[in-house]
PDB file of N, CA and C in Angstrom:
ATOM      1  N   UNK A   1      89.264  79.725  62.242  1.00  0.00           N
ATOM      2  CA  UNK A   1      87.827  79.595  62.179  1.00  0.00           C
ATOM      3  C   UNK A   1      87.206  80.922  61.780  1.00  0.00           C
ATOM      4  N   UNK A   2      86.066  80.906  61.170  1.00  0.00           N
ATOM      5  CA  UNK A   2      85.427  82.147  60.720  1.00  0.00           C
ATOM      6  C   UNK A   2      85.108  83.092  61.885  1.00  0.00           C
ATOM      7  N   UNK A   3      85.079  84.367  61.558  1.00  0.00           N
ATOM      8  CA  UNK A   3      84.786  85.397  62.561  1.00  0.00           C
ATOM      9  C   UNK A   3      83.363  85.908  62.367  1.00  0.00           C
ATOM     10  N   UNK A   4      82.618  86.018  63.465  1.00  0.00           N
ATOM     11  CA  UNK A   4      81.241  86.508  63.402  1.00  0.00           C
ATOM     12  C   UNK A   4      81.177  88.030  63.441  1.00  0.00           C
ATOM     13  N   UNK A   5      82.111  88.638  64.150  1.00  0.00           N
ATOM     14  CA  UNK A   5      82.122  90.097  64.247  1.00  0.00           C
ATOM     15  C   UNK A   5      83.543  90.595  64.463  1.00  0.00           C
ATOM     16  N   UNK A   6      83.724  91.910  64.411  1.00  0.00           N
ATOM     17  CA  UNK A   6      85.060  92.511  64.549  1.00  0.00           C
ATOM     18  C   UNK A   6      85.727  92.196  65.877  1.00  0.00           C
ATOM     19  N   UNK A   7      84.933  92.047  66.931  1.00  0.00           N
ATOM     20  CA  UNK A   7      85.507  91.788  68.255  1.00  0.00           C
ATOM     21  C   UNK A   7      86.235  90.460  68.335  1.00  0.00           C
ATOM     22  N   UNK A   8      85.949  89.565  67.406  1.00  0.00           N
ATOM     23  CA  UNK A   8      86.599  88.256  67.396  1.00  0.00           C
ATOM     24  C   UNK A   8      87.905  88.248  66.601  1.00  0.00           C
ATOM     25  N   UNK A   9      88.159  89.304  65.844  1.00  0.00           N
ATOM     26  CA  UNK A   9      89.385  89.367  65.060  1.00  0.00           C
ATOM     27  C   UNK A   9      90.607  89.363  65.973  1.00  0.00           C
ATOM     28  N   UNK A  10      91.750  88.897  65.465  1.00  0.00           N
ATOM     29  CA  UNK A  10      92.964  88.939  66.280  1.00  0.00           C
ATOM     30  C   UNK A  10      93.264  90.371  66.721  1.00  0.00           C
ATOM     31  N   UNK A  11      93.823  90.499  67.898  1.00  0.00           N
ATOM     32  CA  UNK A  11      94.137  91.838  68.415  1.00  0.00           C
ATOM     33  C   UNK A  11      95.063  92.587  67.473  1.00  0.00           C
ATOM     34  N   UNK A  12      95.952  91.872  66.816  1.00  0.00           N
ATOM     35  CA  UNK A  12      96.886  92.520  65.888  1.00  0.00           C
ATOM     36  C   UNK A  12      96.155  93.172  64.720  1.00  0.00           C
ATOM     37  N   UNK A  13      94.979  92.709  64.401  1.00  0.00           N
ATOM     38  CA  UNK A  13      94.160  93.309  63.352  1.00  0.00           C
ATOM     39  C   UNK A  13      93.324  94.442  63.935  1.00  0.00           C
ATOM     40  N   UNK A  14      92.708  94.194  65.072  1.00  0.00           N
ATOM     41  CA  UNK A  14      91.838  95.187  65.699  1.00  0.00           C
ATOM     42  C   UNK A  14      92.578  96.474  66.043  1.00  0.00           C
ATOM     43  N   UNK A  15      93.833  96.353  66.449  1.00  0.00           N
ATOM     44  CA  UNK A  15      94.570  97.521  66.929  1.00  0.00           C
ATOM     45  C   UNK A  15      95.226  98.340  65.825  1.00  0.00           C
ATOM     46  N   UNK A  16      95.286  97.786  64.608  1.00  0.00           N
ATOM     47  CA  UNK A  16      95.964  98.546  63.561  1.00  0.00           C
ATOM     48  C   UNK A  16      95.048  99.007  62.441  1.00  0.00           C
ATOM     49  N   UNK A  17      93.932  98.334  62.243  1.00  0.00           N
ATOM     50  CA  UNK A  17      93.062  98.686  61.124  1.00  0.00           C
ATOM     51  C   UNK A  17      91.841  99.478  61.574  1.00  0.00           C
ATOM     52  N   UNK A  18      91.422 100.458  60.758  1.00  0.00           N
ATOM     53  CA  UNK A  18      90.167 101.159  61.041  1.00  0.00           C
ATOM     54  C   UNK A  18      88.990 100.195  60.872  1.00  0.00           C
ATOM     55  N   UNK A  19      87.845 100.580  61.385  1.00  0.00           N
ATOM     56  CA  UNK A  19      86.664  99.711  61.416  1.00  0.00           C
ATOM     57  C   UNK A  19      86.304  99.147  60.043  1.00  0.00           C
ATOM     58  N   UNK A  20      86.257  99.999  59.029  1.00  0.00           N
ATOM     59  CA  UNK A  20      85.879  99.518  57.695  1.00  0.00           C
ATOM     60  C   UNK A  20      86.876  98.487  57.178  1.00  0.00           C
ATOM     61  N   UNK A  21      88.146  98.706  57.406  1.00  0.00           N
ATOM     62  CA  UNK A  21      89.181  97.754  56.983  1.00  0.00           C
ATOM     63  C   UNK A  21      89.047  96.440  57.750  1.00  0.00           C
ATOM     64  N   UNK A  22      88.635  96.515  58.996  1.00  0.00           N
ATOM     65  CA  UNK A  22      88.399  95.296  59.771  1.00  0.00           C
ATOM     66  C   UNK A  22      87.239  94.496  59.170  1.00  0.00           C
ATOM     67  N   UNK A  23      86.219  95.187  58.702  1.00  0.00           N
ATOM     68  CA  UNK A  23      85.097  94.508  58.055  1.00  0.00           C
ATOM     69  C   UNK A  23      85.557  93.800  56.780  1.00  0.00           C
ATOM     70  N   UNK A  24      86.392  94.472  56.006  1.00  0.00           N
ATOM     71  CA  UNK A  24      86.939  93.864  54.795  1.00  0.00           C
ATOM     72  C   UNK A  24      87.740  92.622  55.164  1.00  0.00           C
ATOM     73  N   UNK A  25      88.575  92.754  56.174  1.00  0.00           N
ATOM     74  CA  UNK A  25      89.408  91.639  56.633  1.00  0.00           C
ATOM     75  C   UNK A  25      88.540  90.449  57.028  1.00  0.00           C
ATOM     76  N   UNK A  26      87.531  90.716  57.827  1.00  0.00           N
ATOM     77  CA  UNK A  26      86.653  89.650  58.327  1.00  0.00           C
ATOM     78  C   UNK A  26      85.955  88.931  57.176  1.00  0.00           C
ATOM     79  N   UNK A  27      85.384  89.683  56.256  1.00  0.00           N
ATOM     80  CA  UNK A  27      84.658  89.080  55.142  1.00  0.00           C
ATOM     81  C   UNK A  27      85.591  88.285  54.231  1.00  0.00           C
ATOM     82  N   UNK A  28      86.763  88.824  53.964  1.00  0.00           N
ATOM     83  CA  UNK A  28      87.724  88.117  53.108  1.00  0.00           C
ATOM     84  C   UNK A  28      88.240  86.857  53.794  1.00  0.00           C
ATOM     85  N   UNK A  29      88.503  86.955  55.091  1.00  0.00           N
ATOM     86  CA  UNK A  29      88.960  85.780  55.838  1.00  0.00           C
ATOM     87  C   UNK A  29      87.912  84.682  55.782  1.00  0.00           C
ATOM     88  N   UNK A  30      86.677  85.037  56.076  1.00  0.00           N
ATOM     89  CA  UNK A  30      85.598  84.047  56.105  1.00  0.00           C
ATOM     90  C   UNK A  30      85.392  83.398  54.729  1.00  0.00           C
ATOM     91  N   UNK A  31      85.480  84.186  53.693  1.00  0.00           N
ATOM     92  CA  UNK A  31      85.327  83.660  52.343  1.00  0.00           C
ATOM     93  C   UNK A  31      86.474  82.699  52.009  1.00  0.00           C
ATOM     94  N   UNK A  32      87.693  83.103  52.315  1.00  0.00           N
ATOM     95  CA  UNK A  32      88.855  82.258  52.043  1.00  0.00           C
ATOM     96  C   UNK A  32      88.831  80.990  52.893  1.00  0.00           C
ATOM     97  N   UNK A  33      88.322  81.099  54.113  1.00  0.00           N
ATOM     98  CA  UNK A  33      88.213  79.932  54.991  1.00  0.00           C
ATOM     99  C   UNK A  33      87.398  78.837  54.297  1.00  0.00           C
ATOM    100  N   UNK A  34      86.330  79.251  53.643  1.00  0.00           N
ATOM    101  CA  UNK A  34      85.495  78.283  52.921  1.00  0.00           C
ATOM    102  C   UNK A  34      86.146  77.846  51.612  1.00  0.00           C
ATOM    103  N   UNK A  35      86.675  78.809  50.893  1.00  0.00           N
ATOM    104  CA  UNK A  35      87.232  78.513  49.572  1.00  0.00           C
ATOM    105  C   UNK A  35      88.426  77.568  49.632  1.00  0.00           C
ATOM    106  N   UNK A  36      89.263  77.692  50.653  1.00  0.00           N
ATOM    107  CA  UNK A  36      90.495  76.909  50.740  1.00  0.00           C
ATOM    108  C   UNK A  36      90.432  75.835  51.817  1.00  0.00           C
ATOM    109  N   UNK A  37      89.277  75.243  51.999  1.00  0.00           N
ATOM    110  CA  UNK A  37      89.126  74.239  53.056  1.00  0.00           C
ATOM    111  C   UNK A  37      89.889  72.955  52.745  1.00  0.00           C
ATOM    112  N   UNK A  38      90.103  72.668  51.458  1.00  0.00           N
ATOM    113  CA  UNK A  38      90.835  71.463  51.077  1.00  0.00           C
ATOM    114  C   UNK A  38      92.303  71.789  50.831  1.00  0.00           C
ATOM    115  N   UNK A  39      93.164  70.986  51.386  1.00  0.00           N
ATOM    116  CA  UNK A  39      94.601  71.218  51.286  1.00  0.00           C
ATOM    117  C   UNK A  39      95.075  71.384  49.840  1.00  0.00           C
ATOM    118  N   UNK A  40      94.508  70.619  48.933  1.00  0.00           N
ATOM    119  CA  UNK A  40      94.938  70.692  47.533  1.00  0.00           C
ATOM    120  C   UNK A  40      94.579  72.029  46.878  1.00  0.00           C
ATOM    121  N   UNK A  41      93.717  72.816  47.503  1.00  0.00           N
ATOM    122  CA  UNK A  41      93.357  74.131  46.982  1.00  0.00           C
ATOM    123  C   UNK A  41      94.308  75.233  47.440  1.00  0.00           C
ATOM    124  N   UNK A  42      95.211  74.886  48.360  1.00  0.00           N
ATOM    125  CA  UNK A  42      96.137  75.883  48.924  1.00  0.00           C
ATOM    126  C   UNK A  42      97.524  75.743  48.317  1.00  0.00           C
ATOM    127  N   UNK A  43      98.268  76.834  48.345  1.00  0.00           N
ATOM    128  CA  UNK A  43      99.659  76.809  47.898  1.00  0.00           C
ATOM    129  C   UNK A  43     100.543  76.374  49.053  1.00  0.00           C
ATOM    130  N   UNK A  44     101.700  75.895  48.710  1.00  0.00           N
ATOM    131  CA  UNK A  44     102.699  75.518  49.707  1.00  0.00           C
ATOM    132  C   UNK A  44     102.113  74.494  50.684  1.00  0.00           C
ATOM    133  N   UNK A  45     102.624  74.547  51.885  1.00  0.00           N
ATOM    134  CA  UNK A  45     102.101  73.701  52.962  1.00  0.00           C
ATOM    135  C   UNK A  45     101.324  74.551  53.956  1.00  0.00           C
ATOM    136  N   UNK A  46     100.822  75.681  53.495  1.00  0.00           N
ATOM    137  CA  UNK A  46     100.109  76.604  54.369  1.00  0.00           C
ATOM    138  C   UNK A  46      98.845  75.950  54.927  1.00  0.00           C
ATOM    139  N   UNK A  47      98.564  76.265  56.172  1.00  0.00           N
ATOM    140  CA  UNK A  47      97.334  75.771  56.778  1.00  0.00           C
ATOM    141  C   UNK A  47      96.156  76.569  56.235  1.00  0.00           C
ATOM    142  N   UNK A  48      94.994  76.071  56.510  1.00  0.00           N
ATOM    143  CA  UNK A  48      93.772  76.765  56.096  1.00  0.00           C
ATOM    144  C   UNK A  48      93.730  78.158  56.714  1.00  0.00           C
ATOM    145  N   UNK A  49      94.090  78.252  57.984  1.00  0.00           N
ATOM    146  CA  UNK A  49      94.063  79.541  58.669  1.00  0.00           C
ATOM    147  C   UNK A  49      95.107  80.502  58.108  1.00  0.00           C
ATOM    148  N   UNK A  50      96.324  80.025  57.860  1.00  0.00           N
ATOM    149  CA  UNK A  50      97.363  80.888  57.292  1.00  0.00           C
ATOM    150  C   UNK A  50      96.920  81.444  55.939  1.00  0.00           C
ATOM    151  N   UNK A  51      96.357  80.585  55.132  1.00  0.00           N
ATOM    152  CA  UNK A  51      95.888  81.009  53.813  1.00  0.00           C
ATOM    153  C   UNK A  51      94.790  82.058  53.932  1.00  0.00           C
ATOM    154  N   UNK A  52      93.842  81.834  54.824  1.00  0.00           N
ATOM    155  CA  UNK A  52      92.743  82.790  55.004  1.00  0.00           C
ATOM    156  C   UNK A  52      93.256  84.145  55.485  1.00  0.00           C
ATOM    157  N   UNK A  53      94.253  84.141  56.384  1.00  0.00           N
ATOM    158  CA  UNK A  53      94.827  85.418  56.851  1.00  0.00           C
ATOM    159  C   UNK A  53      95.546  86.137  55.709  1.00  0.00           C
ATOM    160  N   UNK A  54      96.263  85.402  54.884  1.00  0.00           N
ATOM    161  CA  UNK A  54      96.959  86.020  53.741  1.00  0.00           C
ATOM    162  C   UNK A  54      95.963  86.671  52.786  1.00  0.00           C
ATOM    163  N   UNK A  55      94.890  85.951  52.498  1.00  0.00           N
ATOM    164  CA  UNK A  55      93.858  86.484  51.606  1.00  0.00           C
ATOM    165  C   UNK A  55      93.218  87.728  52.216  1.00  0.00           C
ATOM    166  N   UNK A  56      92.957  87.688  53.512  1.00  0.00           N
ATOM    167  CA  UNK A  56      92.326  88.823  54.191  1.00  0.00           C
ATOM    168  C   UNK A  56      93.212  90.061  54.127  1.00  0.00           C
ATOM    169  N   UNK A  57      94.509  89.895  54.384  1.00  0.00           N
ATOM    170  CA  UNK A  57      95.414  91.050  54.310  1.00  0.00           C
ATOM    171  C   UNK A  57      95.494  91.589  52.886  1.00  0.00           C
ATOM    172  N   UNK A  58      95.517  90.693  51.914  1.00  0.00           N
ATOM    173  CA  UNK A  58      95.559  91.134  50.516  1.00  0.00           C
ATOM    174  C   UNK A  58      94.311  91.951  50.172  1.00  0.00           C
ATOM    175  N   UNK A  59      93.160  91.529  50.686  1.00  0.00           N
ATOM    176  CA  UNK A  59      91.918  92.265  50.437  1.00  0.00           C
ATOM    177  C   UNK A  59      91.969  93.658  51.055  1.00  0.00           C
ATOM    178  N   UNK A  60      92.493  93.744  52.255  1.00  0.00           N
ATOM    179  CA  UNK A  60      92.622  95.047  52.920  1.00  0.00           C
ATOM    180  C   UNK A  60      93.535  95.957  52.102  1.00  0.00           C
ATOM    181  N   UNK A  61      94.633  95.395  51.611  1.00  0.00           N
ATOM    182  CA  UNK A  61      95.622  96.197  50.873  1.00  0.00           C
ATOM    183  C   UNK A  61      95.095  96.676  49.525  1.00  0.00           C
ATOM    184  N   UNK A  62      93.988  96.114  49.051  1.00  0.00           N
ATOM    185  CA  UNK A  62      93.370  96.628  47.827  1.00  0.00           C
ATOM    186  C   UNK A  62      92.774  98.011  48.043  1.00  0.00           C
ATOM    187  N   UNK A  63      92.272  98.269  49.258  1.00  0.00           N
ATOM    188  CA  UNK A  63      91.596  99.535  49.558  1.00  0.00           C
ATOM    189  C   UNK A  63      92.346 100.433  50.535  1.00  0.00           C
ATOM    190  N   UNK A  64      93.292  99.875  51.266  1.00  0.00           N
ATOM    191  CA  UNK A  64      94.006 100.631  52.298  1.00  0.00           C
ATOM    192  C   UNK A  64      95.503 100.503  52.115  1.00  0.00           C
ATOM    193  N   UNK A  65      96.211 101.510  52.633  1.00  0.00           N
ATOM    194  CA  UNK A  65      97.665 101.453  52.637  1.00  0.00           C
ATOM    195  C   UNK A  65      98.173 102.021  53.954  1.00  0.00           C
ATOM    196  N   UNK A  66      99.316 101.556  54.342  1.00  0.00           N
ATOM    197  CA  UNK A  66      99.927 102.022  55.580  1.00  0.00           C
ATOM    198  C   UNK A  66     100.634 103.334  55.290  1.00  0.00           C
ATOM    199  N   UNK A  67     100.300 104.346  56.055  1.00  0.00           N
ATOM    200  CA  UNK A  67     100.876 105.660  55.851  1.00  0.00           C
ATOM    201  C   UNK A  67     102.196 105.843  56.565  1.00  0.00           C
ATOM    202  N   UNK A  68     102.796 106.990  56.341  1.00  0.00           N
ATOM    203  CA  UNK A  68     104.064 107.317  57.004  1.00  0.00           C
ATOM    204  C   UNK A  68     103.895 107.398  58.515  1.00  0.00           C
ATOM    205  N   UNK A  69     102.658 107.592  58.962  1.00  0.00           N
ATOM    206  CA  UNK A  69     102.378 107.660  60.394  1.00  0.00           C
ATOM    207  C   UNK A  69     102.147 106.269  60.998  1.00  0.00           C
ATOM    208  N   UNK A  70     102.402 105.217  60.194  1.00  0.00           N
ATOM    209  CA  UNK A  70     102.229 103.819  60.611  1.00  0.00           C
ATOM    210  C   UNK A  70     100.761 103.428  60.840  1.00  0.00           C
ATOM    211  N   UNK A  71      99.843 104.256  60.360  1.00  0.00           N
ATOM    212  CA  UNK A  71      98.422 103.931  60.461  1.00  0.00           C
ATOM    213  C   UNK A  71      97.916 103.582  59.060  1.00  0.00           C
ATOM    214  N   UNK A  72      96.854 102.773  59.014  1.00  0.00           N
ATOM    215  CA  UNK A  72      96.257 102.377  57.745  1.00  0.00           C
ATOM    216  C   UNK A  72      95.227 103.418  57.324  1.00  0.00           C
ATOM    217  N   UNK A  73      95.337 103.842  56.052  1.00  0.00           N
ATOM    218  CA  UNK A  73      94.457 104.854  55.492  1.00  0.00           C
ATOM    219  C   UNK A  73      93.854 104.337  54.188  1.00  0.00           C
ATOM    220  N   UNK A  74      92.628 104.746  53.922  1.00  0.00           N
ATOM    221  CA  UNK A  74      91.952 104.343  52.686  1.00  0.00           C
ATOM    222  C   UNK A  74      92.665 104.986  51.501  1.00  0.00           C
ATOM    223  N   UNK A  75      92.868 104.208  50.450  1.00  0.00           N
ATOM    224  CA  UNK A  75      93.486 104.734  49.247  1.00  0.00           C
ATOM    225  C   UNK A  75      92.535 105.696  48.559  1.00  0.00           C
ATOM    226  N   UNK A  76      93.086 106.709  47.931  1.00  0.00           N
ATOM    227  CA  UNK A  76      92.266 107.716  47.255  1.00  0.00           C
ATOM    228  C   UNK A  76      92.052 107.366  45.821  1.00  0.00           C
TER     229      UNK A  76
END
């Protein structure tokens, strides 16, 4: 289901991503939730939620990368 704010994001997202990356995740998830509401719009047998999470992570990875310190940092 769509997220209204960062506090509603899964703990696995909240604990690893910086605030700005969490905002990107939330917005991408919410957009994908709407875009892929019909099963025929999704690949594989992925659920609507699985698809939205995949899209959200892909959006984060456009601007952030995981560093050698295992923390996510904005790409330069």
